[in-house]
Amino acid sequence: ASSRLQHEYVPSAHLSAACTCLAWAPPAGRPPPSKDGPQRKKRKSEVAEADKQLDTLAIGTAVGSILLYSTVKGELQSKLDGGHDSRVNCVRWHHDNCCLYSCSEDKHIVEWNTQTCKVKCKWKGDNSSVTSLCISPDGKMLLSAGRTIKLWDLETKEVYRHFTGHATSVSSLMFTTVKPMNENKPFDGITGLYFLSGAIHDRLLSVWYIRSDRKEKNAVMSFTVTDEPTFIDLTVSEVKEEPVKLAVVCRDGQLHLFEHILNGYCKKPLTSNCTIQIATPGNEGDPTPKPVPILAAAFCTDKQSLLLVYGNTLQPIIEKVSLNTTESHVCLIRDIQKVLSLKTDVALTKVKTPVVNSDTKVLVPGIPGHSTAVKTPSSGKEKKKNKRKPGETEESIEERLGALDIDVSKVKTPGGLPQTDSFAVLLVQGLESNDAEILNRVLNTRKENVIKNTVARMPIHAVIPLLHEV
């Protein structure tokens, strides 16, 4: 509520494997919450009064161990070892018994007894890594996602149903209903329930319907967003007429709100009722507003207002916003303090030019005599052209680069900034596909303003791959 950091946990050196996922333990002595999912971790403001009970945090690590950490005592309670030998992708608590479920890159799902810290059961979940888990509202079934989404019976550990959906690995799974919409049949705990899944690099969120009688494998409906979903929260619909509300934060920093009554099959992908963005007000020095990325969003208990988390991940700002979804696009103007914004433009000072003897040979990438990784396919005809006639001077690097790159500095946009979108896009593509040719083409650019503008436009997720490449 105060948007202040309450608690920070830094693993000690011998445990310092990167944390990959986390989940709050269900509070003891309270009825099971109506929703469980990755949203629980940002829900601290709502559970301030239950903070003493909401104590244990399960943290999965990159090396396969799981740490149980007490936020009240501020210390590690125990470490669960011996279940996985690779990165843990998702951890989920069972609401009734103190079991913990985890899945990993090693293709397995493990059921833990958290009292004894021992593996209760371990089974193969998929042919490739298992990326996400979700426990059914009645606690008898477990959804797991790898190549396909599977619904497991937790007693027998057998697959109850298969669903085939996303081409990439699923990053979020959650149930959107707690009881079936048609109440005339006796409820077996799972038939008639809907669940939602989102995957990396996928701009569609799929909704699935579980039927016990028909082997329906495909999604019944989908929601379309502008970029890969990074954070999802939803209000669970309790009655048939109540629509499910969905808040999806995308990698591009926008938030999409959907409201939809789940009633079976829907062919067209549904678009959002409302899109929310945050931007800074333009100041005198720089009149153009800059976008502020939204990092996460969660519905408050009244299901009307939202908690927004925005800014940068080092010092996020949390704010409660009540929403009027009649507008289809909302842009909130927030003046984030200058302290928080990471500086993007740092001018180089004191550059020394080395004194070079005139007949020294300098080797630069892209000049004959330097072994670069670029292999351009060349046919016999082209080879003849490249041979210099006697007396002809060799092209300078500037000329070579000029022939290679689009001259970006000449294209001016109305704001006066050079258009470097194409370079930023190329660079991101090159990093994602690890294409040496694209990377060399971009990284060989010498024009300082192009470099600055390209770096300024890099999406956050591409920064570390770029640093590795550099």
Protein backbone atom coordinates (compact mmCIF):
# COMPACT_ATOMS: atom_id res chain seq x y z
CA ALA A 1 0.00 0.00 0.00
CA SER A 2 2.86 2.40 0.73
CA SER A 3 4.83 1.20 -2.32
CA ARG A 4 7.87 0.82 -0.07
CA LEU A 5 10.24 -2.11 -0.06
CA GLN A 6 9.54 -4.15 3.08
CA HIS A 7 11.90 -7.02 2.83
CA GLU A 8 14.80 -8.15 0.69
CA TYR A 9 16.25 -11.61 0.48
CA VAL A 10 19.69 -12.25 -0.95
CA PRO A 11 20.74 -15.91 -1.01
CA SER A 12 24.04 -16.60 0.72
CA ALA A 13 27.01 -17.44 -1.47
CA HIS A 14 26.77 -21.24 -1.28
CA LEU A 15 23.12 -21.14 -2.31
CA SER A 16 23.44 -18.43 -4.89
CA ALA A 17 21.75 -20.09 -7.83
CA ALA A 18 19.47 -17.70 -9.68
CA CYS A 19 15.83 -17.75 -8.54
CA THR A 20 13.58 -18.83 -11.40
CA CYS A 21 10.07 -18.97 -9.90
CA LEU A 22 8.28 -18.50 -6.60
CA ALA A 23 4.96 -19.14 -4.84
CA TRP A 24 3.47 -18.15 -1.49
CA ALA A 25 2.41 -21.03 0.72
CA PRO A 26 -1.34 -21.09 1.39
CA PRO A 27 -1.94 -19.55 4.82
CA ALA A 28 -2.71 -22.13 7.49
CA GLY A 29 -6.14 -22.04 9.05
CA ARG A 30 -7.82 -20.04 6.31
CA PRO A 31 -10.22 -21.43 3.71
CA PRO A 32 -8.45 -22.17 0.44
CA PRO A 33 -8.32 -19.07 -1.75
CA SER A 34 -10.55 -19.03 -4.80
CA LYS A 35 -7.58 -18.47 -7.05
CA ASP A 36 -4.12 -19.83 -7.13
CA GLY A 37 -1.62 -18.86 -9.73
CA PRO A 38 1.44 -16.76 -10.36
CA GLN A 39 -0.51 -13.64 -9.41
CA ARG A 40 -0.35 -14.53 -5.73
CA LYS A 41 3.18 -13.22 -5.35
CA LYS A 42 2.31 -9.58 -6.04
CA ARG A 43 -0.67 -9.60 -3.74
CA LYS A 44 1.08 -8.34 -0.60
CA SER A 45 -0.98 -5.21 -0.07
CA GLU A 46 -4.18 -7.18 0.21
CA VAL A 47 -2.80 -9.69 2.64
CA ALA A 48 -1.12 -7.25 4.99
CA GLU A 49 -3.35 -8.37 7.86
CA ALA A 50 -2.73 -12.02 7.06
CA ASP A 51 0.96 -11.35 6.69
CA LYS A 52 1.87 -13.37 9.77
CA GLN A 53 0.23 -16.42 8.28
CA LEU A 54 1.33 -15.81 4.71
CA ASP A 55 4.79 -16.67 5.74
CA THR A 56 6.57 -19.29 3.68
CA LEU A 57 7.77 -18.65 0.18
CA ALA A 58 8.89 -21.50 -2.08
CA ILE A 59 11.64 -20.39 -4.46
CA GLY A 60 12.74 -22.54 -7.39
CA THR A 61 16.34 -22.14 -8.57
CA ALA A 62 18.28 -22.60 -11.78
CA VAL A 63 20.17 -25.63 -10.41
CA GLY A 64 17.08 -27.67 -9.52
CA SER A 65 16.82 -27.18 -5.75
CA ILE A 66 13.86 -25.45 -4.08
CA LEU A 67 14.33 -23.09 -1.13
CA LEU A 68 11.64 -22.62 1.53
CA TYR A 69 12.06 -19.15 2.97
CA SER A 70 10.26 -17.60 5.94
CA THR A 71 9.52 -13.90 5.39
CA VAL A 72 8.63 -13.36 9.05
CA LYS A 73 11.85 -14.82 10.44
CA GLY A 74 13.82 -13.55 7.46
CA GLU A 75 15.72 -16.79 7.09
CA LEU A 76 15.82 -19.97 5.07
CA GLN A 77 13.68 -22.71 6.64
CA SER A 78 14.74 -25.62 4.50
CA LYS A 79 16.08 -26.66 1.15
CA LEU A 80 14.41 -29.32 -1.01
CA ASP A 81 17.06 -31.27 -2.89
CA GLY A 82 17.24 -34.42 -4.94
CA GLY A 83 14.11 -33.93 -7.01
CA HIS A 84 15.36 -32.12 -10.08
CA ASP A 85 18.73 -31.95 -11.75
CA SER A 86 17.92 -28.96 -13.94
CA ARG A 87 16.26 -25.54 -13.76
CA VAL A 88 12.93 -25.44 -11.87
CA ASN A 89 10.32 -23.72 -14.07
CA CYS A 90 7.30 -23.53 -11.77
CA VAL A 91 6.32 -24.30 -8.16
CA ARG A 92 2.75 -24.64 -6.86
CA TRP A 93 1.38 -25.35 -3.38
CA HIS A 94 -1.55 -27.63 -2.77
CA HIS A 95 -4.13 -25.69 -0.74
CA ASP A 96 -5.15 -28.46 1.66
CA ASN A 97 -2.21 -30.71 2.46
CA CYS A 98 1.21 -29.13 2.70
CA CYS A 99 2.36 -30.64 -0.58
CA LEU A 100 4.39 -28.68 -3.07
CA TYR A 101 4.50 -29.48 -6.78
CA SER A 102 7.38 -28.48 -9.01
CA CYS A 103 8.28 -28.98 -12.66
CA SER A 104 11.60 -28.60 -14.38
CA GLU A 105 13.65 -28.59 -17.58
CA ASP A 106 14.48 -32.22 -16.76
CA LYS A 107 10.98 -33.23 -18.08
CA HIS A 108 9.77 -34.34 -14.63
CA ILE A 109 7.14 -33.26 -12.13
CA VAL A 110 7.86 -33.77 -8.43
CA GLU A 111 5.45 -33.92 -5.51
CA TRP A 112 7.19 -32.87 -2.28
CA ASN A 113 6.34 -33.40 1.34
CA THR A 114 7.38 -30.04 2.78
CA GLN A 115 7.38 -31.29 6.40
CA THR A 116 9.98 -33.98 5.81
CA CYS A 117 11.56 -32.16 2.80
CA LYS A 118 11.52 -35.43 0.90
CA VAL A 119 10.31 -36.33 -2.59
CA LYS A 120 6.88 -37.92 -2.24
CA CYS A 121 6.50 -38.85 -5.88
CA LYS A 122 8.29 -38.07 -9.13
CA TRP A 123 7.03 -38.79 -12.64
CA LYS A 124 7.81 -37.86 -16.21
CA GLY A 125 5.56 -35.01 -17.28
CA ASP A 126 6.49 -34.54 -20.92
CA ASN A 127 8.95 -35.41 -23.67
CA SER A 128 10.46 -31.94 -23.44
CA SER A 129 10.81 -29.63 -20.45
CA VAL A 130 7.70 -29.00 -18.33
CA THR A 131 7.25 -25.24 -18.13
CA SER A 132 4.15 -24.56 -16.06
CA LEU A 133 1.81 -26.12 -13.49
CA CYS A 134 -1.62 -25.35 -12.05
CA ILE A 135 -3.73 -27.20 -9.46
CA SER A 136 -7.48 -27.59 -9.98
CA PRO A 137 -9.88 -25.75 -7.64
CA ASP A 138 -10.86 -28.96 -5.85
CA GLY A 139 -7.22 -30.01 -5.48
CA LYS A 140 -7.62 -33.42 -7.16
CA MET A 141 -6.14 -32.61 -10.56
CA LEU A 142 -2.96 -31.01 -11.82
CA LEU A 143 -2.46 -29.24 -15.14
CA SER A 144 1.02 -29.37 -16.60
CA ALA A 145 2.32 -27.75 -19.76
CA GLY A 146 5.22 -28.80 -21.92
CA ARG A 147 4.82 -29.58 -25.61
CA THR A 148 1.16 -30.27 -24.85
CA ILE A 149 -1.01 -29.40 -21.88
CA LYS A 150 -1.92 -32.43 -19.76
CA LEU A 151 -4.43 -32.85 -16.98
CA TRP A 152 -3.23 -35.38 -14.36
CA ASP A 153 -5.19 -37.23 -11.73
CA LEU A 154 -3.14 -36.56 -8.59
CA GLU A 155 -4.11 -39.83 -6.90
CA THR A 156 -3.11 -42.19 -9.70
CA LYS A 157 -0.68 -39.82 -11.51
CA GLU A 158 -2.33 -40.77 -14.80
CA VAL A 159 -3.19 -38.42 -17.64
CA TYR A 160 -6.90 -37.64 -17.61
CA ARG A 161 -6.96 -35.43 -20.70
CA HIS A 162 -4.59 -33.97 -23.36
CA PHE A 163 -4.86 -30.51 -24.91
CA THR A 164 -2.84 -29.46 -27.95
CA GLY A 165 -2.20 -25.78 -28.32
CA HIS A 166 0.81 -23.54 -28.34
CA ALA A 167 3.84 -23.94 -30.56
CA THR A 168 6.19 -22.43 -27.95
CA SER A 169 6.60 -23.20 -24.26
CA VAL A 170 3.67 -22.23 -22.06
CA SER A 171 4.48 -19.51 -19.54
CA SER A 172 1.20 -19.30 -17.61
CA LEU A 173 -1.66 -21.65 -16.77
CA MET A 174 -4.66 -20.87 -14.59
CA PHE A 175 -8.25 -21.88 -13.98
CA THR A 176 -10.82 -19.23 -14.85
CA THR A 177 -13.84 -20.89 -13.20
CA VAL A 178 -14.25 -22.72 -9.90
CA LYS A 179 -17.46 -24.57 -10.70
CA PRO A 180 -19.16 -25.55 -13.95
CA MET A 181 -21.52 -23.16 -15.67
CA ASN A 182 -24.41 -25.63 -16.07
CA GLU A 183 -25.42 -26.81 -12.62
CA ASN A 184 -27.88 -29.56 -13.61
CA LYS A 185 -25.33 -32.41 -13.68
CA PRO A 186 -23.48 -33.67 -10.60
CA PHE A 187 -20.02 -32.08 -10.49
CA ASP A 188 -17.06 -34.46 -10.62
CA GLY A 189 -14.58 -31.73 -9.68
CA ILE A 190 -13.31 -30.91 -13.16
CA THR A 191 -15.88 -31.32 -16.00
CA GLY A 192 -17.19 -28.02 -17.27
CA LEU A 193 -14.29 -25.94 -15.98
CA TYR A 194 -12.41 -23.48 -18.14
CA PHE A 195 -8.71 -22.72 -17.92
CA LEU A 196 -6.41 -20.22 -19.61
CA SER A 197 -2.90 -20.57 -21.02
CA GLY A 198 -0.35 -18.13 -22.40
CA ALA A 199 2.97 -18.92 -24.07
CA ILE A 200 6.20 -17.10 -24.85
CA HIS A 201 6.40 -15.33 -28.23
CA ASP A 202 2.66 -15.97 -28.58
CA ARG A 203 0.23 -13.10 -28.94
CA LEU A 204 -2.83 -15.27 -28.32
CA LEU A 205 -4.04 -16.42 -24.91
CA SER A 206 -6.06 -19.63 -25.23
CA VAL A 207 -9.06 -20.71 -23.19
CA TRP A 208 -9.77 -24.44 -22.84
CA TYR A 209 -12.87 -26.29 -21.72
CA ILE A 210 -12.60 -29.60 -19.89
CA ARG A 211 -15.19 -32.19 -20.88
CA SER A 212 -15.17 -35.71 -19.52
CA ASP A 213 -17.25 -37.16 -22.34
CA ARG A 214 -15.82 -35.59 -25.51
CA LYS A 215 -12.15 -35.64 -26.35
CA GLU A 216 -12.04 -31.97 -27.26
CA LYS A 217 -8.35 -31.13 -27.72
CA ASN A 218 -8.41 -27.59 -29.10
CA ALA A 219 -8.95 -24.25 -27.42
CA VAL A 220 -12.55 -23.03 -27.33
CA MET A 221 -11.64 -19.34 -27.53
CA SER A 222 -8.66 -17.01 -27.53
CA PHE A 223 -7.80 -13.46 -26.52
CA THR A 224 -5.44 -11.43 -28.68
CA VAL A 225 -2.83 -9.00 -27.25
CA THR A 226 -0.11 -6.80 -28.72
CA ASP A 227 2.95 -8.70 -27.49
CA GLU A 228 3.99 -11.76 -25.53
CA PRO A 229 2.10 -11.86 -22.19
CA THR A 230 4.43 -11.48 -19.20
CA PHE A 231 1.94 -11.19 -16.34
CA ILE A 232 -1.70 -12.29 -16.11
CA ASP A 233 -4.31 -11.79 -13.41
CA LEU A 234 -7.99 -12.64 -13.51
CA THR A 235 -11.14 -12.56 -11.45
CA VAL A 236 -12.73 -15.99 -11.23
CA SER A 237 -16.37 -16.09 -12.26
CA GLU A 238 -18.51 -17.64 -9.54
CA VAL A 239 -21.87 -17.61 -11.34
CA LYS A 240 -22.93 -18.20 -14.92
CA GLU A 241 -23.86 -14.59 -15.75
CA GLU A 242 -20.71 -13.04 -14.31
CA PRO A 243 -18.02 -12.32 -16.88
CA VAL A 244 -14.42 -13.28 -16.29
CA LYS A 245 -12.20 -10.22 -16.06
CA LEU A 246 -8.69 -10.61 -17.33
CA ALA A 247 -5.72 -8.25 -17.00
CA VAL A 248 -2.78 -9.08 -19.26
CA VAL A 249 0.52 -7.21 -19.09
CA CYS A 250 2.56 -7.59 -22.28
CA ARG A 251 6.26 -7.41 -22.87
CA ASP A 252 5.80 -4.05 -24.63
CA GLY A 253 4.64 -2.55 -21.31
CA GLN A 254 0.94 -2.27 -22.16
CA LEU A 255 -1.92 -3.64 -20.13
CA HIS A 256 -4.99 -5.16 -21.79
CA LEU A 257 -8.28 -5.67 -20.01
CA PHE A 258 -10.81 -8.23 -21.21
CA GLU A 259 -14.31 -8.93 -19.96
CA HIS A 260 -16.05 -11.97 -21.32
CA ILE A 261 -18.75 -14.38 -20.25
CA LEU A 262 -17.41 -17.90 -20.81
CA ASN A 263 -20.07 -19.70 -22.80
CA GLY A 264 -18.49 -22.30 -24.98
CA TYR A 265 -16.96 -22.05 -28.40
CA CYS A 266 -15.98 -18.73 -29.98
CA LYS A 267 -14.26 -18.76 -33.37
CA LYS A 268 -12.74 -15.29 -33.65
CA PRO A 269 -9.97 -14.17 -31.29
CA LEU A 270 -11.40 -11.64 -28.84
CA THR A 271 -9.83 -8.20 -28.67
CA SER A 272 -9.41 -6.23 -25.46
CA ASN A 273 -12.14 -3.99 -24.06
CA CYS A 274 -9.56 -1.54 -22.81
CA THR A 275 -5.82 -0.96 -23.25
CA ILE A 276 -3.86 0.95 -20.62
CA GLN A 277 -0.50 2.61 -21.10
CA ILE A 278 1.51 4.92 -18.88
CA ALA A 279 3.62 7.80 -20.17
CA THR A 280 5.61 10.67 -18.68
CA PRO A 281 4.45 14.24 -19.27
CA GLY A 282 6.70 16.06 -21.74
CA ASN A 283 8.89 18.63 -19.98
CA GLU A 284 10.47 21.80 -21.37
CA GLY A 285 13.73 20.20 -22.43
CA ASP A 286 12.09 17.21 -24.08
CA PRO A 287 8.46 17.73 -25.11
CA THR A 288 7.90 14.15 -26.30
CA PRO A 289 6.23 11.93 -23.65
CA LYS A 290 8.13 8.72 -22.95
CA PRO A 291 6.35 5.43 -22.29
CA VAL A 292 6.64 3.96 -18.81
CA PRO A 293 6.39 0.15 -18.90
CA ILE A 294 3.73 -1.56 -16.79
CA LEU A 295 5.39 -4.55 -15.11
CA ALA A 296 2.42 -6.24 -13.46
CA ALA A 297 -1.22 -5.70 -12.60
CA ALA A 298 -3.61 -7.36 -10.18
CA PHE A 299 -7.29 -7.00 -9.42
CA CYS A 300 -8.22 -5.77 -5.96
CA THR A 301 -10.77 -7.72 -3.93
CA ASP A 302 -13.67 -5.55 -5.20
CA LYS A 303 -12.92 -6.78 -8.78
CA GLN A 304 -13.33 -3.18 -10.00
CA SER A 305 -10.02 -1.49 -9.25
CA LEU A 306 -6.53 -2.60 -10.20
CA LEU A 307 -3.13 -2.44 -8.61
CA LEU A 308 -0.59 -1.37 -11.22
CA VAL A 309 3.13 -1.96 -10.86
CA TYR A 310 5.16 0.21 -13.20
CA GLY A 311 8.53 1.88 -13.71
CA ASN A 312 11.67 -0.21 -13.67
CA THR A 313 12.15 -3.50 -11.85
CA LEU A 314 14.75 -2.04 -9.48
CA GLN A 315 12.34 0.47 -7.95
CA PRO A 316 8.82 -0.29 -9.11
CA ILE A 317 5.95 2.05 -8.24
CA ILE A 318 2.69 0.46 -7.09
CA GLU A 319 -0.55 2.35 -7.50
CA LYS A 320 -4.24 1.56 -7.09
CA VAL A 321 -6.33 2.67 -10.08
CA SER A 322 -10.10 2.47 -10.36
CA LEU A 323 -11.08 1.86 -13.93
CA ASN A 324 -13.70 3.12 -16.27
CA THR A 325 -13.63 0.53 -19.04
CA THR A 326 -16.01 2.44 -21.31
CA GLU A 327 -12.98 3.97 -23.01
CA SER A 328 -11.11 1.60 -25.26
CA HIS A 329 -7.71 3.20 -24.73
CA VAL A 330 -6.45 4.87 -21.57
CA CYS A 331 -3.12 6.63 -21.26
CA LEU A 332 -2.19 7.57 -17.70
CA ILE A 333 0.26 10.45 -17.37
CA ARG A 334 2.67 9.87 -14.49
CA ASP A 335 5.73 11.96 -13.76
CA ILE A 336 8.24 9.37 -12.65
CA GLN A 337 10.98 11.11 -10.67
CA LYS A 338 14.14 11.81 -12.56
CA VAL A 339 16.02 9.65 -10.04
CA LEU A 340 14.21 6.54 -11.12
CA SER A 341 14.67 6.82 -14.85
CA LEU A 342 17.81 5.02 -15.91
CA LYS A 343 20.03 7.35 -17.88
CA THR A 344 20.31 6.31 -21.49
CA ASP A 345 22.53 8.99 -22.94
CA VAL A 346 26.01 9.23 -21.44
CA ALA A 347 28.46 11.22 -23.54
CA LEU A 348 32.01 9.94 -23.77
CA THR A 349 34.61 12.26 -22.37
CA LYS A 350 38.38 12.29 -22.88
CA VAL A 351 38.78 10.12 -25.94
CA LYS A 352 42.45 9.74 -26.77
CA THR A 353 43.48 9.17 -30.36
CA PRO A 354 46.52 6.92 -30.59
CA VAL A 355 49.50 8.15 -32.57
CA VAL A 356 49.83 5.77 -35.49
CA ASN A 357 52.74 5.46 -37.90
CA SER A 358 51.56 6.09 -41.47
CA ASP A 359 52.63 2.69 -42.79
CA THR A 360 51.19 0.63 -39.93
CA LYS A 361 48.55 -1.82 -41.05
CA VAL A 362 45.39 -1.65 -38.92
CA LEU A 363 43.12 -4.67 -38.95
CA VAL A 364 39.42 -3.96 -38.76
CA PRO A 365 36.52 -6.42 -39.18
CA GLY A 366 35.39 -6.51 -42.78
CA ILE A 367 38.74 -5.73 -44.38
CA PRO A 368 40.73 -8.36 -46.29
CA GLY A 369 43.43 -9.76 -44.03
CA HIS A 370 41.17 -10.03 -41.01
CA SER A 371 39.38 -13.31 -40.46
CA THR A 372 35.77 -12.32 -39.84
CA ALA A 373 32.96 -14.75 -39.34
CA VAL A 374 30.89 -13.38 -42.21
CA LYS A 375 30.71 -15.73 -45.14
CA THR A 376 28.92 -14.11 -48.03
CA PRO A 377 27.82 -16.55 -50.67
CA SER A 378 29.72 -15.58 -53.80
CA SER A 379 29.43 -17.05 -57.25
CA GLY A 380 32.27 -17.12 -59.76
CA LYS A 381 31.12 -14.00 -61.62
CA GLU A 382 31.24 -11.83 -58.54
CA LYS A 383 34.76 -12.86 -57.66
CA LYS A 384 36.17 -11.27 -60.81
CA LYS A 385 34.56 -7.95 -59.98
CA ASN A 386 36.22 -7.76 -56.61
CA LYS A 387 39.76 -7.89 -57.96
CA ARG A 388 41.24 -4.41 -58.06
CA LYS A 389 42.71 -3.11 -61.24
CA PRO A 390 46.31 -1.89 -60.81
CA GLY A 391 46.44 1.70 -59.67
CA GLU A 392 42.93 1.61 -58.15
CA THR A 393 42.72 2.51 -54.47
CA GLU A 394 41.03 0.29 -51.98
CA GLU A 395 37.60 1.44 -50.81
CA SER A 396 37.63 3.08 -47.40
CA ILE A 397 35.71 1.53 -44.54
CA GLU A 398 33.24 4.42 -44.67
CA GLU A 399 32.47 3.63 -48.30
CA ARG A 400 32.12 -0.06 -47.55
CA LEU A 401 29.78 0.60 -44.65
CA GLY A 402 27.93 3.18 -46.66
CA ALA A 403 27.23 0.51 -49.22
CA LEU A 404 26.11 -1.87 -46.49
CA ASP A 405 23.82 0.11 -44.24
CA ILE A 406 20.86 2.26 -45.04
CA ASP A 407 21.96 5.79 -44.36
CA VAL A 408 19.84 6.35 -41.30
CA SER A 409 20.97 9.86 -40.43
CA LYS A 410 19.37 11.32 -43.55
CA VAL A 411 15.89 10.04 -42.79
CA LYS A 412 14.36 12.53 -40.37
CA THR A 413 11.09 12.05 -38.55
CA PRO A 414 8.85 14.99 -37.63
CA GLY A 415 10.36 15.00 -34.13
CA GLY A 416 13.82 15.43 -35.60
CA LEU A 417 15.05 12.07 -34.36
CA PRO A 418 16.70 9.78 -36.90
CA GLN A 419 14.60 6.77 -37.71
CA THR A 420 16.55 3.89 -36.19
CA ASP A 421 13.68 1.50 -35.79
CA SER A 422 14.95 -0.68 -38.60
CA PHE A 423 18.33 -1.09 -36.90
CA ALA A 424 16.87 -1.86 -33.47
CA VAL A 425 14.49 -4.37 -35.05
CA LEU A 426 17.31 -5.96 -37.07
CA LEU A 427 19.50 -6.18 -34.01
CA VAL A 428 16.78 -7.87 -31.93
CA GLN A 429 16.11 -10.31 -34.79
CA GLY A 430 19.80 -11.05 -35.11
CA LEU A 431 20.14 -11.68 -31.37
CA GLU A 432 17.10 -13.93 -31.24
CA SER A 433 18.07 -16.01 -34.26
CA ASN A 434 21.82 -15.75 -33.54
CA ASP A 435 22.41 -14.78 -37.16
CA ALA A 436 26.04 -13.74 -37.67
CA GLU A 437 25.33 -11.91 -40.89
CA ILE A 438 22.63 -9.64 -39.45
CA LEU A 439 24.67 -9.02 -36.30
CA ASN A 440 27.80 -8.10 -38.23
CA ARG A 441 25.82 -5.82 -40.46
CA VAL A 442 24.39 -3.90 -37.52
CA LEU A 443 27.43 -3.97 -35.24
CA ASN A 444 29.76 -2.74 -38.00
CA THR A 445 27.95 0.61 -38.02
CA ARG A 446 30.29 3.45 -37.13
CA LYS A 447 27.86 6.38 -37.05
CA GLU A 448 27.64 7.52 -33.45
CA ASN A 449 24.10 8.90 -33.58
CA VAL A 450 22.82 5.69 -35.16
CA ILE A 451 24.47 3.63 -32.45
CA LYS A 452 23.06 5.82 -29.66
CA ASN A 453 19.56 5.79 -31.06
CA THR A 454 19.59 2.05 -31.70
CA VAL A 455 20.75 1.31 -28.15
CA ALA A 456 18.14 3.68 -26.73
CA ARG A 457 15.41 1.79 -28.60
CA MET A 458 16.47 -1.71 -27.60
CA PRO A 459 13.71 -3.57 -25.70
CA ILE A 460 14.78 -4.49 -22.17
CA HIS A 461 14.81 -8.24 -22.81
CA ALA A 462 17.39 -7.85 -25.59
CA VAL A 463 19.92 -5.92 -23.51
CA ILE A 464 21.69 -8.86 -21.88
CA PRO A 465 21.97 -10.89 -25.12
CA LEU A 466 23.40 -7.74 -26.74
CA LEU A 467 25.98 -7.36 -23.95
CA HIS A 468 26.97 -11.00 -24.37
CA GLU A 469 27.36 -10.43 -28.10
CA VAL A 470 29.41 -7.26 -27.59
